[in-house]
Protein backbone atom coordinates (compact mmCIF):
# COMPACT_ATOMS: atom_id res chain seq x y z
CA MET A 1 7.05 13.26 2.17
CA ALA A 2 6.64 10.06 4.13
CA ILE A 3 5.35 6.80 2.68
CA THR A 4 3.85 4.25 5.08
CA ARG A 5 2.35 0.81 4.52
CA ILE A 6 -0.35 -0.51 6.85
CA TYR A 7 -0.84 -4.27 6.52
CA THR A 8 -2.10 -7.37 8.32
CA GLY A 9 0.72 -9.53 9.62
CA ALA A 10 0.83 -13.29 10.05
CA ASP A 11 -0.15 -12.69 13.70
CA GLY A 12 -3.50 -11.20 12.58
CA LEU A 13 -2.57 -7.74 13.85
CA THR A 14 -2.28 -4.60 11.76
CA HIS A 15 1.26 -3.20 11.52
CA SER A 16 2.86 -0.17 9.89
CA GLU A 17 6.20 0.13 8.16
CA PRO A 18 7.94 2.91 6.25
CA LEU A 19 8.45 2.42 2.52
CA THR A 20 11.02 4.05 0.26
CA LEU A 21 11.02 5.02 -3.38
CA THR A 22 13.81 3.35 -5.33
CA PRO A 23 14.97 5.28 -8.43
CA GLU A 24 15.34 3.31 -11.63
CA PRO A 25 16.52 4.91 -14.91
CA ARG A 26 13.71 5.16 -17.46
CA ARG A 27 14.39 7.90 -19.97
CA ARG A 28 16.99 10.57 -20.47
CA TYR A 29 15.33 13.12 -18.18
CA GLU A 30 13.34 11.02 -15.73
CA GLU A 31 13.49 8.07 -13.40
CA ALA A 32 10.84 5.54 -12.49
CA LEU A 33 10.37 5.46 -8.73
CA ARG A 34 9.47 2.00 -7.50
CA LEU A 35 7.74 1.77 -4.15
CA GLY A 36 9.83 -0.50 -1.95
CA GLY A 37 11.20 -2.14 -5.09
CA ALA A 38 7.75 -3.57 -5.94
CA ASP A 39 6.28 -3.76 -9.39
CA SER A 40 3.86 -1.13 -10.61
CA ARG A 41 0.17 -1.60 -9.81
CA LYS A 42 -2.80 -0.59 -11.92
CA ALA A 43 -4.97 2.13 -10.41
CA LYS A 44 -8.70 1.44 -10.54
CA SER A 45 -9.95 5.01 -9.91
CA ILE A 46 -9.22 8.19 -8.00
CA SER A 47 -11.47 10.11 -5.64
CA PHE A 48 -11.11 13.03 -3.24
CA SER A 49 -12.50 13.16 0.31
CA ARG A 50 -12.56 15.54 3.25
CA GLN A 51 -12.73 14.67 6.95
CA SER A 52 -13.72 17.37 9.47
CA PRO A 53 -11.71 18.26 12.57
CA GLY A 54 -12.70 15.93 15.39
CA PHE A 55 -13.49 13.01 13.05
CA ALA A 56 -12.56 9.61 14.50
CA SER A 57 -13.41 6.20 13.08
CA ASP A 58 -13.89 2.88 14.81
CA TRP A 59 -11.65 -0.11 13.98
CA HIS A 60 -11.96 -1.04 10.31
CA THR A 61 -10.12 -2.76 7.46
CA VAL A 62 -9.97 -2.00 3.73
CA ASP A 63 -11.77 -4.16 1.15
CA ASN A 64 -8.89 -3.92 -1.34
CA PRO A 65 -5.43 -2.34 -1.30
CA VAL A 66 -5.65 1.45 -1.51
CA PHE A 67 -3.27 4.40 -1.59
CA THR A 68 -4.21 7.63 0.15
CA ILE A 69 -2.34 10.89 -0.45
CA THR A 70 -2.95 13.66 2.06
CA VAL A 71 -3.39 17.04 0.38
CA SER A 72 -4.05 19.11 3.53
CA GLY A 73 -4.63 18.54 7.23
CA HIS A 74 -3.26 15.87 9.56
CA ALA A 75 -4.43 12.45 10.74
CA GLU A 76 -3.29 9.57 12.90
CA HIS A 77 -3.93 5.91 12.11
CA ASP A 78 -3.78 3.57 15.12
CA CYS A 79 -2.74 0.01 14.23
CA SER A 80 -3.89 -2.99 16.28
CA ASP A 81 -0.24 -3.73 17.21
CA GLY A 82 -0.15 -0.42 19.13
CA THR A 83 1.80 1.65 16.60
CA VAL A 84 0.54 5.00 15.32
CA ALA A 85 1.13 6.24 11.75
CA ARG A 86 0.90 10.03 11.40
CA VAL A 87 0.22 11.74 8.07
CA GLY A 88 0.28 15.33 6.85
CA PRO A 89 0.33 17.16 3.51
CA GLY A 90 2.19 15.20 0.83
CA ASP A 91 2.33 11.97 2.83
CA ILE A 92 1.31 8.69 1.17
CA MET A 93 -0.28 5.68 2.84
CA LEU A 94 -0.66 2.21 1.35
CA PHE A 95 -3.42 0.35 3.19
CA GLU A 96 -3.30 -3.43 2.77
CA ASP A 97 -4.97 -4.48 6.03
CA THR A 98 -7.79 -6.47 4.44
CA ALA A 99 -8.19 -8.82 7.44
CA GLY A 100 -7.91 -8.79 11.21
CA LYS A 101 -8.86 -5.94 13.54
CA GLY A 102 -7.61 -3.23 11.20
CA HIS A 103 -6.88 0.38 12.10
CA THR A 104 -8.59 3.56 13.28
CA THR A 105 -8.35 7.03 11.79
CA ARG A 106 -8.64 10.34 13.61
CA ILE A 107 -8.15 13.91 12.45
CA VAL A 108 -5.57 15.88 14.44
CA GLY A 109 -5.72 19.66 14.78
CA ASN A 110 -8.30 22.25 13.72
CA GLU A 111 -7.96 21.86 9.96
CA PRO A 112 -10.02 19.42 7.84
CA ARG A 113 -8.05 16.65 6.15
CA THR A 114 -8.40 16.50 2.37
CA TYR A 115 -6.98 13.41 0.70
CA GLU A 116 -6.96 11.41 -2.52
CA THR A 117 -7.94 7.73 -2.53
CA VAL A 118 -6.53 5.46 -5.24
CA PRO A 119 -7.64 1.79 -5.10
CA VAL A 120 -5.07 -0.50 -6.75
CA GLU A 121 -4.78 -4.11 -7.82
CA GLU A 122 -3.30 -6.58 -5.38
CA VAL A 123 0.29 -7.69 -5.88
CA TYR A 124 0.57 -11.43 -6.25
CA LYS A 125 3.39 -13.30 -4.61
CA ARG A 126 6.11 -14.28 -7.01
CA ALA A 127 6.68 -17.93 -7.79
CA PRO A 128 9.54 -19.60 -5.94
CA ILE A 129 12.76 -20.01 -7.85
CA CYS A 130 13.11 -23.56 -9.21
CA GLU A 131 16.18 -25.35 -10.45
CA ALA A 132 16.97 -25.07 -14.15
CA GLY A 133 15.74 -28.01 -16.15
CA ASP A 134 12.67 -28.64 -14.02
CA ARG A 135 10.36 -30.10 -16.72
CA ARG A 136 7.24 -29.82 -14.58
CA LEU A 137 7.79 -26.08 -14.16
CA ALA A 138 8.40 -25.66 -17.89
CA ARG A 139 5.23 -27.61 -18.72
CA ALA A 140 3.16 -25.59 -16.21
CA LEU A 141 4.45 -22.30 -17.61
CA LYS A 142 3.74 -23.41 -21.17
CA ASN A 143 0.24 -24.76 -20.55
CA GLY A 144 -0.95 -22.84 -17.49
CA PRO A 145 -1.50 -19.19 -16.68
CA ARG A 146 1.29 -16.77 -17.46
CA LEU A 147 3.57 -15.90 -14.56
CA TRP A 148 6.26 -13.28 -14.12
CA ILE A 149 9.28 -14.68 -12.34
CA SER A 150 11.99 -12.32 -11.10
CA PHE A 151 15.49 -13.39 -10.19
């Protein structure tokens, strides 16, 4: 099982990078697996799709972050930086290329590709760490929106 993230970089190009699952003890008989150490995201829905052999898309982006999990078949996703992300059964993709040129998708081989699509909430950047005793930060946290700050 491979996990790949496709995202728009600061250069405006779409890039791909491998992600790992980090185990974290949860209960006696199971572990939580955090994707790249990131916090959990709420899923909005789940749907299943099938793409026929020979399918190829033009360049496109996603409207919101979305996971895809390939159930059967194989595909290649060309990124605008020139890299190619290949997926097969059991592989997971996290698409976060909401801007720029985006990526293409093409089905490889003679088998249709069946996959799950799970749109998720965006992850917000964490607040920068401030020095202890910063009264402005304390006042903003007390009166403003709630923030999660990790150290």
